[in-house]
Amino acid sequence: MNHRHRKILHAIFAHPVSANIPVSGVEAVLKELGAELSTGGHGQLQVRLAGKAHAFRHHGHDLSPDQVRELRRFLTDCGIEPSTQYPL
């Protein structure tokens, strides 16, 4: 995982929640983590990672704080811990 991807991953887990994380960057990070991505209708991104599946809705180019929290919960459930697995 390159430095840019690690920065985005750490931004997802940052406090306070960031509101300017680009969807394209999140998709790249998820692919680097080994996720299978597919797109559904109405701005839906379907993700399968570590045996878990989730559908995220996004509107526009950046994720909202609520979407970032939802993504953070999903990654935590999948066992992703950026501070130990992917340090900056």
C-alpha atoms as a PDB file:
ATOM      1  CA  MET A   1       0.000   0.000   0.000  1.00  0.00           C
ATOM      2  CA  ASN A   2       1.523   3.298  -1.027  1.00  0.00           C
ATOM      3  CA  HIS A   3       1.766   6.405   1.123  1.00  0.00           C
ATOM      4  CA  ARG A   4      -1.261   8.135  -0.442  1.00  0.00           C
ATOM      5  CA  HIS A   5      -3.474   5.111   0.275  1.00  0.00           C
ATOM      6  CA  ARG A   6      -2.223   4.949   3.859  1.00  0.00           C
ATOM      7  CA  LYS A   7      -3.020   8.653   4.332  1.00  0.00           C
ATOM      8  CA  ILE A   8      -6.601   8.081   3.142  1.00  0.00           C
ATOM      9  CA  LEU A   9      -6.968   5.030   5.397  1.00  0.00           C
ATOM     10  CA  HIS A  10      -5.754   7.038   8.386  1.00  0.00           C
ATOM     11  CA  ALA A  11      -8.130   9.897   7.449  1.00  0.00           C
ATOM     12  CA  ILE A  12     -11.041   7.449   7.625  1.00  0.00           C
ATOM     13  CA  PHE A  13     -10.077   6.589  11.208  1.00  0.00           C
ATOM     14  CA  ALA A  14      -9.165  10.168  12.251  1.00  0.00           C
ATOM     15  CA  HIS A  15     -10.950  12.099  15.004  1.00  0.00           C
ATOM     16  CA  PRO A  16     -12.748  14.393  14.398  1.00  0.00           C
ATOM     17  CA  VAL A  17     -14.322  12.788  11.357  1.00  0.00           C
ATOM     18  CA  SER A  18     -13.120  14.227   8.071  1.00  0.00           C
ATOM     19  CA  ALA A  19     -15.683  15.383   5.518  1.00  0.00           C
ATOM     20  CA  ASN A  20     -13.433  15.644   2.484  1.00  0.00           C
ATOM     21  CA  ILE A  21     -12.316  12.093   1.727  1.00  0.00           C
ATOM     22  CA  PRO A  22     -12.639  11.421  -2.015  1.00  0.00           C
ATOM     23  CA  VAL A  23     -14.699   8.411  -3.073  1.00  0.00           C
ATOM     24  CA  SER A  24     -12.115   7.501  -5.716  1.00  0.00           C
ATOM     25  CA  GLY A  25      -9.411   7.372  -3.037  1.00  0.00           C
ATOM     26  CA  VAL A  26     -11.562   5.177  -0.813  1.00  0.00           C
ATOM     27  CA  GLU A  27     -12.171   2.783  -3.712  1.00  0.00           C
ATOM     28  CA  ALA A  28      -8.402   2.562  -4.329  1.00  0.00           C
ATOM     29  CA  VAL A  29      -7.743   1.848  -0.634  1.00  0.00           C
ATOM     30  CA  LEU A  30     -10.421  -0.845  -0.525  1.00  0.00           C
ATOM     31  CA  LYS A  31      -8.907  -2.526  -3.592  1.00  0.00           C
ATOM     32  CA  GLU A  32      -5.478  -2.429  -1.928  1.00  0.00           C
ATOM     33  CA  LEU A  33      -6.986  -4.119   1.129  1.00  0.00           C
ATOM     34  CA  GLY A  34      -8.253  -6.933  -1.119  1.00  0.00           C
ATOM     35  CA  ALA A  35     -11.904  -5.938  -1.336  1.00  0.00           C
ATOM     36  CA  GLU A  36     -14.143  -6.828  -4.247  1.00  0.00           C
ATOM     37  CA  LEU A  37     -16.030  -3.746  -5.443  1.00  0.00           C
ATOM     38  CA  SER A  38     -19.082  -3.422  -7.616  1.00  0.00           C
ATOM     39  CA  THR A  39     -21.408  -0.540  -8.311  1.00  0.00           C
ATOM     40  CA  GLY A  40     -25.137  -0.567  -7.955  1.00  0.00           C
ATOM     41  CA  GLY A  41     -27.749   1.929  -8.908  1.00  0.00           C
ATOM     42  CA  HIS A  42     -28.253   5.326  -7.297  1.00  0.00           C
ATOM     43  CA  GLY A  43     -24.643   5.903  -6.226  1.00  0.00           C
ATOM     44  CA  GLN A  44     -24.240   2.620  -4.391  1.00  0.00           C
ATOM     45  CA  LEU A  45     -20.855   0.959  -3.899  1.00  0.00           C
ATOM     46  CA  GLN A  46     -21.004  -2.703  -2.882  1.00  0.00           C
ATOM     47  CA  VAL A  47     -17.965  -3.993  -0.997  1.00  0.00           C
ATOM     48  CA  ARG A  48     -16.947  -7.522  -0.020  1.00  0.00           C
ATOM     49  CA  LEU A  49     -13.979  -7.800   2.331  1.00  0.00           C
ATOM     50  CA  ALA A  50     -12.878 -10.509   4.766  1.00  0.00           C
ATOM     51  CA  GLY A  51     -16.102 -12.469   4.281  1.00  0.00           C
ATOM     52  CA  LYS A  52     -18.281  -9.460   5.024  1.00  0.00           C
ATOM     53  CA  ALA A  53     -20.390  -7.447   2.611  1.00  0.00           C
ATOM     54  CA  HIS A  54     -21.771  -3.940   2.827  1.00  0.00           C
ATOM     55  CA  ALA A  55     -23.317  -1.396   0.472  1.00  0.00           C
ATOM     56  CA  PHE A  56     -22.367   2.265   0.813  1.00  0.00           C
ATOM     57  CA  ARG A  57     -24.272   5.111  -0.750  1.00  0.00           C
ATOM     58  CA  HIS A  58     -22.324   8.134  -1.878  1.00  0.00           C
ATOM     59  CA  HIS A  59     -23.494  11.306  -3.513  1.00  0.00           C
ATOM     60  CA  GLY A  60     -20.840  13.409  -5.187  1.00  0.00           C
ATOM     61  CA  HIS A  61     -17.082  13.237  -5.026  1.00  0.00           C
ATOM     62  CA  ASP A  62     -16.487  13.211  -1.262  1.00  0.00           C
ATOM     63  CA  LEU A  63     -17.892  11.129   1.588  1.00  0.00           C
ATOM     64  CA  SER A  64     -20.002  12.820   4.237  1.00  0.00           C
ATOM     65  CA  PRO A  65     -19.041  12.407   7.920  1.00  0.00           C
ATOM     66  CA  ASP A  66     -21.840   9.853   8.390  1.00  0.00           C
ATOM     67  CA  GLN A  67     -20.558   7.825   5.444  1.00  0.00           C
ATOM     68  CA  VAL A  68     -17.024   7.953   6.858  1.00  0.00           C
ATOM     69  CA  ARG A  69     -18.305   6.642  10.219  1.00  0.00           C
ATOM     70  CA  GLU A  70     -20.156   3.844   8.434  1.00  0.00           C
ATOM     71  CA  LEU A  71     -17.030   2.920   6.447  1.00  0.00           C
ATOM     72  CA  ARG A  72     -14.929   3.024   9.639  1.00  0.00           C
ATOM     73  CA  ARG A  73     -17.311   0.583  11.368  1.00  0.00           C
ATOM     74  CA  PHE A  74     -17.209  -1.760   8.389  1.00  0.00           C
ATOM     75  CA  LEU A  75     -13.393  -1.756   8.238  1.00  0.00           C
ATOM     76  CA  THR A  76     -13.155  -2.319  11.990  1.00  0.00           C
ATOM     77  CA  ASP A  77     -15.543  -5.287  11.692  1.00  0.00           C
ATOM     78  CA  CYS A  78     -13.269  -6.658   8.948  1.00  0.00           C
ATOM     79  CA  GLY A  79     -10.259  -6.469  11.282  1.00  0.00           C
ATOM     80  CA  ILE A  80      -8.521  -3.476   9.724  1.00  0.00           C
ATOM     81  CA  GLU A  81      -6.428  -1.504  12.228  1.00  0.00           C
ATOM     82  CA  PRO A  82      -4.472   1.210  10.364  1.00  0.00           C
ATOM     83  CA  SER A  83      -2.260   2.349  13.253  1.00  0.00           C
ATOM     84  CA  THR A  84      -0.697  -1.100  13.658  1.00  0.00           C
ATOM     85  CA  GLN A  85      -1.087  -2.691  10.215  1.00  0.00           C
ATOM     86  CA  TYR A  86      -0.442   0.357   8.006  1.00  0.00           C
ATOM     87  CA  PRO A  87       1.609   3.007   9.866  1.00  0.00           C
ATOM     88  CA  LEU A  88       2.314   6.329   8.166  1.00  0.00           C
END
